[in-house]
Amino acid sequence: MPEWSCGCCGRWRVSVELIRGRYRYRLVHRYPAEHGGGANVVGEVASVAELELLLRRYAPVGLADLREAACERG
């Protein structure tokens, strides 16, 4: 699944999933390890325009701030 994160801190992430034949953009806020880690799903939308509105409403970053996230293998 493709995923992008903000270039400033990496805590805001957007993933793209194919669900029932439609793409969904999911905005997630990740907490630092010193605060217990974990993630909070802020919202899911069906278009890039809706994603831009979701970012504008809840995150201090925009579409231009997102970069492709490095693959995490564990």
C-alpha atoms as a PDB file:
ATOM      1  CA  MET A   1       0.000   0.000   0.000  1.00  0.00           C
ATOM      2  CA  PRO A   2       1.496   3.402  -0.962  1.00  0.00           C
ATOM      3  CA  GLU A   3       2.088   5.753   1.935  1.00  0.00           C
ATOM      4  CA  TRP A   4       3.263   9.361   2.243  1.00  0.00           C
ATOM      5  CA  SER A   5       4.415  11.222   5.344  1.00  0.00           C
ATOM      6  CA  CYS A   6       5.096  14.851   6.129  1.00  0.00           C
ATOM      7  CA  GLY A   7       8.661  15.984   5.577  1.00  0.00           C
ATOM      8  CA  CYS A   8       8.852  17.992   8.805  1.00  0.00           C
ATOM      9  CA  CYS A   9       8.250  15.387  11.524  1.00  0.00           C
ATOM     10  CA  GLY A  10       6.887  12.243   9.861  1.00  0.00           C
ATOM     11  CA  ARG A  11       3.953  12.056  12.255  1.00  0.00           C
ATOM     12  CA  TRP A  12       1.255  12.851   9.665  1.00  0.00           C
ATOM     13  CA  ARG A  13       0.781  10.032   7.148  1.00  0.00           C
ATOM     14  CA  VAL A  14      -1.523   9.403   4.216  1.00  0.00           C
ATOM     15  CA  SER A  15      -2.085   5.905   2.862  1.00  0.00           C
ATOM     16  CA  VAL A  16      -3.995   4.813  -0.226  1.00  0.00           C
ATOM     17  CA  GLU A  17      -6.053   1.618  -0.134  1.00  0.00           C
ATOM     18  CA  LEU A  18      -8.245  -0.087  -2.692  1.00  0.00           C
ATOM     19  CA  ILE A  19     -11.507  -0.991  -0.931  1.00  0.00           C
ATOM     20  CA  ARG A  20     -14.370  -2.582  -2.901  1.00  0.00           C
ATOM     21  CA  GLY A  21     -12.950  -1.330  -6.175  1.00  0.00           C
ATOM     22  CA  ARG A  22     -12.496   2.280  -5.017  1.00  0.00           C
ATOM     23  CA  TYR A  23      -9.433   4.074  -3.722  1.00  0.00           C
ATOM     24  CA  ARG A  24      -9.588   5.536  -0.211  1.00  0.00           C
ATOM     25  CA  TYR A  25      -7.116   8.058   1.206  1.00  0.00           C
ATOM     26  CA  ARG A  26      -6.573   7.608   4.951  1.00  0.00           C
ATOM     27  CA  LEU A  27      -5.039  10.372   7.104  1.00  0.00           C
ATOM     28  CA  VAL A  28      -3.278   9.103  10.226  1.00  0.00           C
ATOM     29  CA  HIS A  29      -1.519  10.974  13.032  1.00  0.00           C
ATOM     30  CA  ARG A  30       1.259   8.924  14.674  1.00  0.00           C
ATOM     31  CA  TYR A  31       2.382   9.624  18.225  1.00  0.00           C
ATOM     32  CA  PRO A  32       6.086   9.675  19.199  1.00  0.00           C
ATOM     33  CA  ALA A  33       7.454   6.712  21.155  1.00  0.00           C
ATOM     34  CA  GLU A  34       8.039   8.905  24.225  1.00  0.00           C
ATOM     35  CA  HIS A  35       4.278   9.526  24.301  1.00  0.00           C
ATOM     36  CA  GLY A  36       3.365   5.862  24.031  1.00  0.00           C
ATOM     37  CA  GLY A  37       3.488   5.492  20.246  1.00  0.00           C
ATOM     38  CA  GLY A  38       0.408   4.413  18.370  1.00  0.00           C
ATOM     39  CA  ALA A  39      -1.681   6.076  15.716  1.00  0.00           C
ATOM     40  CA  ASN A  40      -4.984   7.874  15.394  1.00  0.00           C
ATOM     41  CA  VAL A  41      -6.968   7.637  12.155  1.00  0.00           C
ATOM     42  CA  VAL A  42      -8.194  11.174  11.536  1.00  0.00           C
ATOM     43  CA  GLY A  43     -10.340  10.372   8.513  1.00  0.00           C
ATOM     44  CA  GLU A  44     -10.840   8.633   5.190  1.00  0.00           C
ATOM     45  CA  VAL A  45     -11.863  10.287   1.943  1.00  0.00           C
ATOM     46  CA  ALA A  46     -12.430   9.239  -1.664  1.00  0.00           C
ATOM     47  CA  SER A  47     -10.671  11.987  -3.633  1.00  0.00           C
ATOM     48  CA  VAL A  48      -7.550  14.125  -3.561  1.00  0.00           C
ATOM     49  CA  ALA A  49      -9.685  17.274  -3.286  1.00  0.00           C
ATOM     50  CA  GLU A  50     -11.349  15.865  -0.146  1.00  0.00           C
ATOM     51  CA  LEU A  51      -7.927  14.847   1.188  1.00  0.00           C
ATOM     52  CA  GLU A  52      -6.717  18.418   0.769  1.00  0.00           C
ATOM     53  CA  LEU A  53      -9.704  19.667   2.778  1.00  0.00           C
ATOM     54  CA  LEU A  54      -9.103  17.032   5.476  1.00  0.00           C
ATOM     55  CA  LEU A  55      -5.442  18.047   5.759  1.00  0.00           C
ATOM     56  CA  ARG A  56      -6.360  21.726   5.908  1.00  0.00           C
ATOM     57  CA  ARG A  57      -8.869  21.071   8.689  1.00  0.00           C
ATOM     58  CA  TYR A  58      -6.880  18.730  10.966  1.00  0.00           C
ATOM     59  CA  ALA A  59      -3.171  18.820  10.100  1.00  0.00           C
ATOM     60  CA  PRO A  60      -0.518  21.548  10.098  1.00  0.00           C
ATOM     61  CA  VAL A  61       0.707  20.224   6.713  1.00  0.00           C
ATOM     62  CA  GLY A  62      -0.639  20.281   3.161  1.00  0.00           C
ATOM     63  CA  LEU A  63      -0.344  18.068   0.093  1.00  0.00           C
ATOM     64  CA  ALA A  64       2.908  19.773  -0.926  1.00  0.00           C
ATOM     65  CA  ASP A  65       4.503  18.786   2.421  1.00  0.00           C
ATOM     66  CA  LEU A  66       3.960  15.050   1.924  1.00  0.00           C
ATOM     67  CA  ARG A  67       6.818  12.815   0.788  1.00  0.00           C
ATOM     68  CA  GLU A  68       6.872   9.108  -0.006  1.00  0.00           C
ATOM     69  CA  ALA A  69       7.440   7.241   3.263  1.00  0.00           C
ATOM     70  CA  ALA A  70      10.339   4.832   3.587  1.00  0.00           C
ATOM     71  CA  CYS A  71       9.359   1.171   3.783  1.00  0.00           C
ATOM     72  CA  GLU A  72       9.287  -0.048   7.369  1.00  0.00           C
ATOM     73  CA  ARG A  73      10.340  -3.656   7.696  1.00  0.00           C
ATOM     74  CA  GLY A  74      10.356  -5.377  11.001  1.00  0.00           C
END
